[in-house]
PDB file of N, CA and C in Angstrom:
ATOM      1  N   MET A   1      34.361 -19.020  43.922  1.00  0.00           N
ATOM      2  CA  MET A   1      35.166 -18.620  42.781  1.00  0.00           C
ATOM      3  C   MET A   1      34.235 -18.297  41.620  1.00  0.00           C
ATOM      4  N   ALA A   2      34.656 -17.360  40.805  1.00  0.00           N
ATOM      5  CA  ALA A   2      33.908 -17.010  39.601  1.00  0.00           C
ATOM      6  C   ALA A   2      34.896 -16.783  38.466  1.00  0.00           C
ATOM      7  N   THR A   3      34.423 -17.069  37.259  1.00  0.00           N
ATOM      8  CA  THR A   3      35.242 -16.882  36.065  1.00  0.00           C
ATOM      9  C   THR A   3      34.429 -16.120  35.033  1.00  0.00           C
ATOM     10  N   ALA A   4      35.089 -15.175  34.369  1.00  0.00           N
ATOM     11  CA  ALA A   4      34.468 -14.449  33.256  1.00  0.00           C
ATOM     12  C   ALA A   4      35.373 -14.581  32.041  1.00  0.00           C
ATOM     13  N   HIS A   5      34.765 -14.876  30.905  1.00  0.00           N
ATOM     14  CA  HIS A   5      35.480 -14.920  29.631  1.00  0.00           C
ATOM     15  C   HIS A   5      34.984 -13.730  28.820  1.00  0.00           C
ATOM     16  N   VAL A   6      35.904 -12.873  28.382  1.00  0.00           N
ATOM     17  CA  VAL A   6      35.528 -11.669  27.649  1.00  0.00           C
ATOM     18  C   VAL A   6      36.163 -11.696  26.271  1.00  0.00           C
ATOM     19  N   ASP A   7      35.311 -11.683  25.247  1.00  0.00           N
ATOM     20  CA  ASP A   7      35.743 -11.499  23.863  1.00  0.00           C
ATOM     21  C   ASP A   7      35.549 -10.015  23.597  1.00  0.00           C
ATOM     22  N   ALA A   8      36.639  -9.274  23.502  1.00  0.00           N
ATOM     23  CA  ALA A   8      36.558  -7.811  23.499  1.00  0.00           C
ATOM     24  C   ALA A   8      36.029  -7.209  22.203  1.00  0.00           C
ATOM     25  N   GLY A   9      35.847  -7.988  21.166  1.00  0.00           N
ATOM     26  CA  GLY A   9      35.254  -7.449  19.945  1.00  0.00           C
ATOM     27  C   GLY A   9      36.232  -7.349  18.804  1.00  0.00           C
ATOM     28  N   ILE A  10      36.190  -6.222  18.111  1.00  0.00           N
ATOM     29  CA  ILE A  10      36.935  -6.055  16.870  1.00  0.00           C
ATOM     30  C   ILE A  10      38.446  -6.167  17.048  1.00  0.00           C
ATOM     31  N   CYS A  11      38.964  -5.890  18.228  1.00  0.00           N
ATOM     32  CA  CYS A  11      40.412  -6.024  18.461  1.00  0.00           C
ATOM     33  C   CYS A  11      40.851  -7.477  18.397  1.00  0.00           C
ATOM     34  N   GLY A  12      39.905  -8.403  18.639  1.00  0.00           N
ATOM     35  CA  GLY A  12      40.205  -9.825  18.562  1.00  0.00           C
ATOM     36  C   GLY A  12      40.834 -10.410  19.817  1.00  0.00           C
ATOM     37  N   PHE A  13      40.999  -9.612  20.854  1.00  0.00           N
ATOM     38  CA  PHE A  13      41.640 -10.098  22.071  1.00  0.00           C
ATOM     39  C   PHE A  13      40.643 -10.791  22.988  1.00  0.00           C
ATOM     40  N   SER A  14      41.105 -11.875  23.605  1.00  0.00           N
ATOM     41  CA  SER A  14      40.303 -12.607  24.579  1.00  0.00           C
ATOM     42  C   SER A  14      40.944 -12.466  25.948  1.00  0.00           C
ATOM     43  N   THR A  15      40.089 -12.432  26.954  1.00  0.00           N
ATOM     44  CA  THR A  15      40.551 -12.315  28.334  1.00  0.00           C
ATOM     45  C   THR A  15      39.754 -13.268  29.207  1.00  0.00           C
ATOM     46  N   THR A  16      40.435 -13.932  30.122  1.00  0.00           N
ATOM     47  CA  THR A  16      39.779 -14.774  31.113  1.00  0.00           C
ATOM     48  C   THR A  16      40.125 -14.233  32.499  1.00  0.00           C
ATOM     49  N   VAL A  17      39.084 -14.038  33.293  1.00  0.00           N
ATOM     50  CA  VAL A  17      39.223 -13.477  34.634  1.00  0.00           C
ATOM     51  C   VAL A  17      38.797 -14.535  35.643  1.00  0.00           C
ATOM     52  N   HIS A  18      39.627 -14.793  36.626  1.00  0.00           N
ATOM     53  CA  HIS A  18      39.306 -15.715  37.720  1.00  0.00           C
ATOM     54  C   HIS A  18      39.319 -14.914  39.019  1.00  0.00           C
ATOM     55  N   ILE A  19      38.262 -15.054  39.805  1.00  0.00           N
ATOM     56  CA  ILE A  19      38.161 -14.381  41.096  1.00  0.00           C
ATOM     57  C   ILE A  19      38.005 -15.461  42.163  1.00  0.00           C
ATOM     58  N   ALA A  20      38.851 -15.422  43.171  1.00  0.00           N
ATOM     59  CA  ALA A  20      38.798 -16.406  44.256  1.00  0.00           C
ATOM     60  C   ALA A  20      38.827 -15.675  45.595  1.00  0.00           C
ATOM     61  N   GLY A  21      38.412 -16.370  46.637  1.00  0.00           N
ATOM     62  CA  GLY A  21      38.446 -15.807  47.983  1.00  0.00           C
ATOM     63  C   GLY A  21      37.059 -15.695  48.560  1.00  0.00           C
ATOM     64  N   GLU A  22      36.984 -15.012  49.687  1.00  0.00           N
ATOM     65  CA  GLU A  22      35.692 -14.820  50.332  1.00  0.00           C
ATOM     66  C   GLU A  22      35.703 -13.549  51.158  1.00  0.00           C
ATOM     67  N   GLY A  23      34.540 -13.100  51.519  1.00  0.00           N
ATOM     68  CA  GLY A  23      34.430 -11.890  52.322  1.00  0.00           C
ATOM     69  C   GLY A  23      34.925 -10.667  51.579  1.00  0.00           C
ATOM     70  N   ARG A  24      35.692  -9.848  52.265  1.00  0.00           N
ATOM     71  CA  ARG A  24      36.166  -8.582  51.689  1.00  0.00           C
ATOM     72  C   ARG A  24      37.553  -8.701  51.073  1.00  0.00           C
ATOM     73  N   ALA A  25      38.044  -9.924  50.900  1.00  0.00           N
ATOM     74  CA  ALA A  25      39.372 -10.120  50.323  1.00  0.00           C
ATOM     75  C   ALA A  25      39.291 -11.122  49.173  1.00  0.00           C
ATOM     76  N   LEU A  26      39.269 -10.602  47.957  1.00  0.00           N
ATOM     77  CA  LEU A  26      39.218 -11.460  46.783  1.00  0.00           C
ATOM     78  C   LEU A  26      40.514 -11.313  45.986  1.00  0.00           C
ATOM     79  N   THR A  27      40.943 -12.414  45.394  1.00  0.00           N
ATOM     80  CA  THR A  27      42.131 -12.433  44.559  1.00  0.00           C
ATOM     81  C   THR A  27      41.707 -12.460  43.101  1.00  0.00           C
ATOM     82  N   VAL A  28      42.334 -11.609  42.302  1.00  0.00           N
ATOM     83  CA  VAL A  28      42.023 -11.483  40.884  1.00  0.00           C
ATOM     84  C   VAL A  28      43.185 -12.052  40.076  1.00  0.00           C
ATOM     85  N   THR A  29      42.870 -12.972  39.148  1.00  0.00           N
ATOM     86  CA  THR A  29      43.858 -13.512  38.219  1.00  0.00           C
ATOM     87  C   THR A  29      43.314 -13.305  36.817  1.00  0.00           C
ATOM     88  N   ILE A  30      44.114 -12.691  35.960  1.00  0.00           N
ATOM     89  CA  ILE A  30      43.657 -12.354  34.610  1.00  0.00           C
ATOM     90  C   ILE A  30      44.664 -12.863  33.592  1.00  0.00           C
ATOM     91  N   GLU A  31      44.140 -13.545  32.579  1.00  0.00           N
ATOM     92  CA  GLU A  31      44.946 -13.994  31.436  1.00  0.00           C
ATOM     93  C   GLU A  31      44.382 -13.291  30.211  1.00  0.00           C
ATOM     94  N   SER A  32      45.246 -12.641  29.419  1.00  0.00           N
ATOM     95  CA  SER A  32      44.742 -11.888  28.275  1.00  0.00           C
ATOM     96  C   SER A  32      45.738 -11.876  27.130  1.00  0.00           C
ATOM     97  N   ASP A  33      45.197 -11.788  25.908  1.00  0.00           N
ATOM     98  CA  ASP A  33      46.013 -11.604  24.714  1.00  0.00           C
ATOM     99  C   ASP A  33      46.465 -10.149  24.592  1.00  0.00           C
ATOM    100  N   CYS A  34      45.800  -9.240  25.298  1.00  0.00           N
ATOM    101  CA  CYS A  34      46.041  -7.804  25.161  1.00  0.00           C
ATOM    102  C   CYS A  34      47.132  -7.337  26.126  1.00  0.00           C
ATOM    103  N   GLU A  35      48.141  -6.640  25.594  1.00  0.00           N
ATOM    104  CA  GLU A  35      49.231  -6.153  26.450  1.00  0.00           C
ATOM    105  C   GLU A  35      48.738  -5.141  27.487  1.00  0.00           C
ATOM    106  N   HIS A  36      47.735  -4.342  27.134  1.00  0.00           N
ATOM    107  CA  HIS A  36      47.212  -3.347  28.071  1.00  0.00           C
ATOM    108  C   HIS A  36      46.480  -4.019  29.233  1.00  0.00           C
ATOM    109  N   ILE A  37      45.721  -5.050  28.921  1.00  0.00           N
ATOM    110  CA  ILE A  37      45.004  -5.782  29.974  1.00  0.00           C
ATOM    111  C   ILE A  37      45.991  -6.553  30.840  1.00  0.00           C
ATOM    112  N   ARG A  38      47.079  -7.031  30.265  1.00  0.00           N
ATOM    113  CA  ARG A  38      48.098  -7.696  31.082  1.00  0.00           C
ATOM    114  C   ARG A  38      48.722  -6.717  32.077  1.00  0.00           C
ATOM    115  N   LYS A  39      48.894  -5.452  31.677  1.00  0.00           N
ATOM    116  CA  LYS A  39      49.396  -4.431  32.610  1.00  0.00           C
ATOM    117  C   LYS A  39      48.375  -4.170  33.714  1.00  0.00           C
ATOM    118  N   LEU A  40      47.091  -4.109  33.337  1.00  0.00           N
ATOM    119  CA  LEU A  40      46.032  -3.966  34.332  1.00  0.00           C
ATOM    120  C   LEU A  40      46.056  -5.149  35.296  1.00  0.00           C
ATOM    121  N   ALA A  41      46.225  -6.346  34.757  1.00  0.00           N
ATOM    122  CA  ALA A  41      46.250  -7.560  35.581  1.00  0.00           C
ATOM    123  C   ALA A  41      47.388  -7.536  36.597  1.00  0.00           C
ATOM    124  N   ALA A  42      48.535  -7.012  36.199  1.00  0.00           N
ATOM    125  CA  ALA A  42      49.679  -6.951  37.116  1.00  0.00           C
ATOM    126  C   ALA A  42      49.395  -6.017  38.295  1.00  0.00           C
ATOM    127  N   ALA A  43      48.587  -4.994  38.061  1.00  0.00           N
ATOM    128  CA  ALA A  43      48.271  -4.021  39.108  1.00  0.00           C
ATOM    129  C   ALA A  43      47.060  -4.405  39.953  1.00  0.00           C
ATOM    130  N   LEU A  44      46.152  -5.201  39.375  1.00  0.00           N
ATOM    131  CA  LEU A  44      44.892  -5.545  40.050  1.00  0.00           C
ATOM    132  C   LEU A  44      44.950  -6.998  40.512  1.00  0.00           C
ATOM    133  N   THR A  45      45.453  -7.222  41.717  1.00  0.00           N
ATOM    134  CA  THR A  45      45.613  -8.598  42.202  1.00  0.00           C
ATOM    135  C   THR A  45      44.686  -8.941  43.355  1.00  0.00           C
ATOM    136  N   ASP A  46      44.326  -7.949  44.161  1.00  0.00           N
ATOM    137  CA  ASP A  46      43.442  -8.160  45.307  1.00  0.00           C
ATOM    138  C   ASP A  46      42.436  -7.019  45.362  1.00  0.00           C
ATOM    139  N   VAL A  47      41.178  -7.352  45.659  1.00  0.00           N
ATOM    140  CA  VAL A  47      40.136  -6.323  45.721  1.00  0.00           C
ATOM    141  C   VAL A  47      39.194  -6.562  46.892  1.00  0.00           C
ATOM    142  N   ASP A  48      38.572  -5.482  47.316  1.00  0.00           N
ATOM    143  CA  ASP A  48      37.469  -5.517  48.269  1.00  0.00           C
ATOM    144  C   ASP A  48      36.198  -5.400  47.427  1.00  0.00           C
ATOM    145  N   PRO A  49      35.366  -6.434  47.366  1.00  0.00           N
ATOM    146  CA  PRO A  49      34.201  -6.389  46.492  1.00  0.00           C
ATOM    147  C   PRO A  49      33.227  -5.259  46.811  1.00  0.00           C
ATOM    148  N   PHE A  50      33.188  -4.819  48.056  1.00  0.00           N
ATOM    149  CA  PHE A  50      32.261  -3.749  48.413  1.00  0.00           C
ATOM    150  C   PHE A  50      32.731  -2.389  47.877  1.00  0.00           C
ATOM    151  N   ARG A  51      34.024  -2.231  47.656  1.00  0.00           N
ATOM    152  CA  ARG A  51      34.513  -1.025  46.970  1.00  0.00           C
ATOM    153  C   ARG A  51      34.195  -1.122  45.475  1.00  0.00           C
ATOM    154  N   GLU A  52      34.290  -2.321  44.930  1.00  0.00           N
ATOM    155  CA  GLU A  52      34.148  -2.506  43.489  1.00  0.00           C
ATOM    156  C   GLU A  52      32.717  -2.315  42.978  1.00  0.00           C
ATOM    157  N   ILE A  53      31.720  -2.457  43.842  1.00  0.00           N
ATOM    158  CA  ILE A  53      30.329  -2.411  43.357  1.00  0.00           C
ATOM    159  C   ILE A  53      29.695  -1.025  43.390  1.00  0.00           C
ATOM    160  N   THR A  54      30.459   0.013  43.740  1.00  0.00           N
ATOM    161  CA  THR A  54      29.854   1.330  43.853  1.00  0.00           C
ATOM    162  C   THR A  54      30.788   2.427  43.347  1.00  0.00           C
ATOM    163  N   PHE A  55      30.193   3.524  42.906  1.00  0.00           N
ATOM    164  CA  PHE A  55      30.973   4.706  42.546  1.00  0.00           C
ATOM    165  C   PHE A  55      31.126   5.648  43.739  1.00  0.00           C
ATOM    166  N   ARG A  56      30.530   5.315  44.863  1.00  0.00           N
ATOM    167  CA  ARG A  56      30.670   6.132  46.065  1.00  0.00           C
ATOM    168  C   ARG A  56      32.083   5.996  46.624  1.00  0.00           C
ATOM    169  N   GLY A  57      32.500   6.966  47.397  1.00  0.00           N
ATOM    170  CA  GLY A  57      33.846   6.918  47.967  1.00  0.00           C
ATOM    171  C   GLY A  57      34.890   6.998  46.867  1.00  0.00           C
ATOM    172  N   ASP A  58      35.862   6.119  46.941  1.00  0.00           N
ATOM    173  CA  ASP A  58      36.924   6.102  45.939  1.00  0.00           C
ATOM    174  C   ASP A  58      36.491   5.479  44.622  1.00  0.00           C
ATOM    175  N   GLY A  59      35.366   4.771  44.612  1.00  0.00           N
ATOM    176  CA  GLY A  59      34.918   4.086  43.403  1.00  0.00           C
ATOM    177  C   GLY A  59      35.726   2.816  43.168  1.00  0.00           C
ATOM    178  N   PRO A  60      35.371   2.083  42.129  1.00  0.00           N
ATOM    179  CA  PRO A  60      36.025   0.803  41.869  1.00  0.00           C
ATOM    180  C   PRO A  60      37.515   0.949  41.542  1.00  0.00           C
ATOM    181  N   LEU A  61      38.331   0.183  42.226  1.00  0.00           N
ATOM    182  CA  LEU A  61      39.758   0.120  41.911  1.00  0.00           C
ATOM    183  C   LEU A  61      39.954  -0.385  40.485  1.00  0.00           C
ATOM    184  N   THR A  62      39.088  -1.284  40.044  1.00  0.00           N
ATOM    185  CA  THR A  62      39.174  -1.817  38.685  1.00  0.00           C
ATOM    186  C   THR A  62      39.145  -0.688  37.663  1.00  0.00           C
ATOM    187  N   TYR A  63      38.213   0.245  37.797  1.00  0.00           N
ATOM    188  CA  TYR A  63      38.127   1.350  36.836  1.00  0.00           C
ATOM    189  C   TYR A  63      39.271   2.345  37.011  1.00  0.00           C
ATOM    190  N   GLU A  64      39.707   2.535  38.246  1.00  0.00           N
ATOM    191  CA  GLU A  64      40.840   3.432  38.494  1.00  0.00           C
ATOM    192  C   GLU A  64      42.082   2.921  37.754  1.00  0.00           C
ATOM    193  N   LEU A  65      42.339   1.621  37.864  1.00  0.00           N
ATOM    194  CA  LEU A  65      43.499   1.041  37.194  1.00  0.00           C
ATOM    195  C   LEU A  65      43.289   0.919  35.691  1.00  0.00           C
ATOM    196  N   ALA A  66      42.054   0.713  35.264  1.00  0.00           N
ATOM    197  CA  ALA A  66      41.763   0.667  33.828  1.00  0.00           C
ATOM    198  C   ALA A  66      42.090   2.007  33.173  1.00  0.00           C
ATOM    199  N   ARG A  67      41.801   3.094  33.869  1.00  0.00           N
ATOM    200  CA  ARG A  67      42.149   4.428  33.345  1.00  0.00           C
ATOM    201  C   ARG A  67      43.642   4.556  33.097  1.00  0.00           C
ATOM    202  N   LEU A  68      44.437   3.916  33.932  1.00  0.00           N
ATOM    203  CA  LEU A  68      45.890   3.991  33.796  1.00  0.00           C
ATOM    204  C   LEU A  68      46.446   3.058  32.722  1.00  0.00           C
ATOM    205  N   HIS A  69      45.804   1.913  32.528  1.00  0.00           N
ATOM    206  CA  HIS A  69      46.407   0.870  31.701  1.00  0.00           C
ATOM    207  C   HIS A  69      45.680   0.540  30.397  1.00  0.00           C
ATOM    208  N   CYS A  70      44.384   0.753  30.342  1.00  0.00           N
ATOM    209  CA  CYS A  70      43.632   0.405  29.133  1.00  0.00           C
ATOM    210  C   CYS A  70      43.794   1.503  28.090  1.00  0.00           C
ATOM    211  N   ALA A  71      43.936   1.101  26.846  1.00  0.00           N
ATOM    212  CA  ALA A  71      44.113   2.065  25.762  1.00  0.00           C
ATOM    213  C   ALA A  71      42.783   2.550  25.194  1.00  0.00           C
ATOM    214  N   HIS A  72      41.711   1.818  25.446  1.00  0.00           N
ATOM    215  CA  HIS A  72      40.437   2.098  24.801  1.00  0.00           C
ATOM    216  C   HIS A  72      39.331   2.213  25.846  1.00  0.00           C
ATOM    217  N   ALA A  73      38.683   3.353  25.922  1.00  0.00           N
ATOM    218  CA  ALA A  73      37.667   3.600  26.952  1.00  0.00           C
ATOM    219  C   ALA A  73      36.478   2.651  26.873  1.00  0.00           C
ATOM    220  N   ALA A  74      36.166   2.139  25.689  1.00  0.00           N
ATOM    221  CA  ALA A  74      35.012   1.251  25.537  1.00  0.00           C
ATOM    222  C   ALA A  74      35.369  -0.222  25.740  1.00  0.00           C
ATOM    223  N   CYS A  75      36.561  -0.510  26.182  1.00  0.00           N
ATOM    224  CA  CYS A  75      36.965  -1.900  26.411  1.00  0.00           C
ATOM    225  C   CYS A  75      36.007  -2.560  27.410  1.00  0.00           C
ATOM    226  N   PRO A  76      35.448  -3.722  27.063  1.00  0.00           N
ATOM    227  CA  PRO A  76      34.503  -4.386  27.961  1.00  0.00           C
ATOM    228  C   PRO A  76      35.161  -5.193  29.082  1.00  0.00           C
ATOM    229  N   VAL A  77      36.479  -5.324  29.058  1.00  0.00           N
ATOM    230  CA  VAL A  77      37.145  -6.165  30.050  1.00  0.00           C
ATOM    231  C   VAL A  77      36.957  -5.656  31.476  1.00  0.00           C
ATOM    232  N   PRO A  78      37.132  -4.360  31.772  1.00  0.00           N
ATOM    233  CA  PRO A  78      36.909  -3.926  33.161  1.00  0.00           C
ATOM    234  C   PRO A  78      35.510  -4.268  33.682  1.00  0.00           C
ATOM    235  N   THR A  79      34.520  -4.140  32.834  1.00  0.00           N
ATOM    236  CA  THR A  79      33.161  -4.515  33.248  1.00  0.00           C
ATOM    237  C   THR A  79      33.074  -6.011  33.517  1.00  0.00           C
ATOM    238  N   GLY A  80      33.712  -6.815  32.691  1.00  0.00           N
ATOM    239  CA  GLY A  80      33.747  -8.261  32.913  1.00  0.00           C
ATOM    240  C   GLY A  80      34.410  -8.618  34.232  1.00  0.00           C
ATOM    241  N   ILE A  81      35.473  -7.895  34.562  1.00  0.00           N
ATOM    242  CA  ILE A  81      36.148  -8.104  35.848  1.00  0.00           C
ATOM    243  C   ILE A  81      35.178  -7.809  36.996  1.00  0.00           C
ATOM    244  N   LEU A  82      34.482  -6.688  36.907  1.00  0.00           N
ATOM    245  CA  LEU A  82      33.538  -6.308  37.971  1.00  0.00           C
ATOM    246  C   LEU A  82      32.401  -7.312  38.103  1.00  0.00           C
ATOM    247  N   LYS A  83      31.888  -7.797  36.984  1.00  0.00           N
ATOM    248  CA  LYS A  83      30.807  -8.786  37.059  1.00  0.00           C
ATOM    249  C   LYS A  83      31.289 -10.060  37.758  1.00  0.00           C
ATOM    250  N   ALA A  84      32.505 -10.505  37.457  1.00  0.00           N
ATOM    251  CA  ALA A  84      33.051 -11.707  38.098  1.00  0.00           C
ATOM    252  C   ALA A  84      33.263 -11.476  39.598  1.00  0.00           C
ATOM    253  N   ILE A  85      33.707 -10.277  39.966  1.00  0.00           N
ATOM    254  CA  ILE A  85      33.885  -9.943  41.381  1.00  0.00           C
ATOM    255  C   ILE A  85      32.543 -10.027  42.112  1.00  0.00           C
ATOM    256  N   GLU A  86      31.498  -9.457  41.521  1.00  0.00           N
ATOM    257  CA  GLU A  86      30.170  -9.509  42.141  1.00  0.00           C
ATOM    258  C   GLU A  86      29.709 -10.944  42.372  1.00  0.00           C
ATOM    259  N   VAL A  87      29.905 -11.782  41.387  1.00  0.00           N
ATOM    260  CA  VAL A  87      29.460 -13.175  41.504  1.00  0.00           C
ATOM    261  C   VAL A  87      30.282 -13.911  42.560  1.00  0.00           C
ATOM    262  N   ALA A  88      31.601 -13.744  42.524  1.00  0.00           N
ATOM    263  CA  ALA A  88      32.468 -14.429  43.491  1.00  0.00           C
ATOM    264  C   ALA A  88      32.135 -14.024  44.925  1.00  0.00           C
ATOM    265  N   ALA A  89      31.739 -12.766  45.111  1.00  0.00           N
ATOM    266  CA  ALA A  89      31.414 -12.260  46.452  1.00  0.00           C
ATOM    267  C   ALA A  89      29.985 -12.586  46.883  1.00  0.00           C
ATOM    268  N   GLY A  90      29.205 -13.204  46.004  1.00  0.00           N
ATOM    269  CA  GLY A  90      27.812 -13.503  46.338  1.00  0.00           C
ATOM    270  C   GLY A  90      26.914 -12.289  46.265  1.00  0.00           C
ATOM    271  N   LEU A  91      27.349 -11.241  45.542  1.00  0.00           N
ATOM    272  CA  LEU A  91      26.570 -10.014  45.424  1.00  0.00           C
ATOM    273  C   LEU A  91      25.736  -9.975  44.143  1.00  0.00           C
ATOM    274  N   ALA A  92      25.889 -10.973  43.303  1.00  0.00           N
ATOM    275  CA  ALA A  92      25.101 -11.084  42.075  1.00  0.00           C
ATOM    276  C   ALA A  92      25.083 -12.546  41.653  1.00  0.00           C
ATOM    277  N   LEU A  93      24.083 -12.890  40.885  1.00  0.00           N
ATOM    278  CA  LEU A  93      24.006 -14.238  40.325  1.00  0.00           C
ATOM    279  C   LEU A  93      24.744 -14.266  38.994  1.00  0.00           C
ATOM    280  N   PRO A  94      25.313 -15.411  38.629  1.00  0.00           N
ATOM    281  CA  PRO A  94      26.008 -15.496  37.346  1.00  0.00           C
ATOM    282  C   PRO A  94      25.022 -15.449  36.182  1.00  0.00           C
ATOM    283  N   ARG A  95      25.245 -14.525  35.303  1.00  0.00           N
ATOM    284  CA  ARG A  95      24.406 -14.391  34.109  1.00  0.00           C
ATOM    285  C   ARG A  95      25.221 -13.644  33.066  1.00  0.00           C
ATOM    286  N   ASP A  96      25.164 -14.100  31.831  1.00  0.00           N
ATOM    287  CA  ASP A  96      25.906 -13.453  30.754  1.00  0.00           C
ATOM    288  C   ASP A  96      25.415 -12.038  30.506  1.00  0.00           C
ATOM    289  N   VAL A  97      26.342 -11.178  30.157  1.00  0.00           N
ATOM    290  CA  VAL A  97      26.051  -9.817  29.747  1.00  0.00           C
ATOM    291  C   VAL A  97      26.357  -9.763  28.255  1.00  0.00           C
ATOM    292  N   ILE A  98      25.424  -9.255  27.477  1.00  0.00           N
ATOM    293  CA  ILE A  98      25.596  -9.219  26.020  1.00  0.00           C
ATOM    294  C   ILE A  98      25.435  -7.795  25.526  1.00  0.00           C
ATOM    295  N   ILE A  99      26.398  -7.366  24.728  1.00  0.00           N
ATOM    296  CA  ILE A  99      26.301  -6.077  24.049  1.00  0.00           C
ATOM    297  C   ILE A  99      26.360  -6.369  22.557  1.00  0.00           C
ATOM    298  N   ARG A 100      25.313  -6.048  21.845  1.00  0.00           N
ATOM    299  CA  ARG A 100      25.301  -6.220  20.394  1.00  0.00           C
ATOM    300  C   ARG A 100      25.424  -4.854  19.756  1.00  0.00           C
ATOM    301  N   VAL A 101      26.369  -4.705  18.847  1.00  0.00           N
ATOM    302  CA  VAL A 101      26.604  -3.425  18.204  1.00  0.00           C
ATOM    303  C   VAL A 101      26.374  -3.581  16.705  1.00  0.00           C
ATOM    304  N   THR A 102      25.505  -2.745  16.158  1.00  0.00           N
ATOM    305  CA  THR A 102      25.251  -2.743  14.718  1.00  0.00           C
ATOM    306  C   THR A 102      25.354  -1.326  14.196  1.00  0.00           C
ATOM    307  N   LYS A 103      25.599  -1.215  12.929  1.00  0.00           N
ATOM    308  CA  LYS A 103      25.598   0.097  12.285  1.00  0.00           C
ATOM    309  C   LYS A 103      24.399   0.117  11.352  1.00  0.00           C
ATOM    310  N   ASP A 104      23.478   1.003  11.634  1.00  0.00           N
ATOM    311  CA  ASP A 104      22.245   1.051  10.852  1.00  0.00           C
ATOM    312  C   ASP A 104      22.379   2.009   9.676  1.00  0.00           C
TER     313      ASP A 104
END
């Protein structure tokens, strides 16, 4: 199992992603303050981690559904979902991802 906590930034919304399962069948559970991410969560319940880690073929289902449900293209939540999927599947080690944004 893997968990990702995403603070999306200026919108103020928080999201928690839980990934459970093994092999090519993982279950995705998402809790979010954001109505758009809740719609994504309703559609994204089961994933094949090997589809999620590449843009080859159909590409990640996570991004396909994010295109339909997310209002903001720069939302970091879909990336957080993918990182948790990688860790849960044993395809990556758990490590925080940090994006710092400044206006110079």
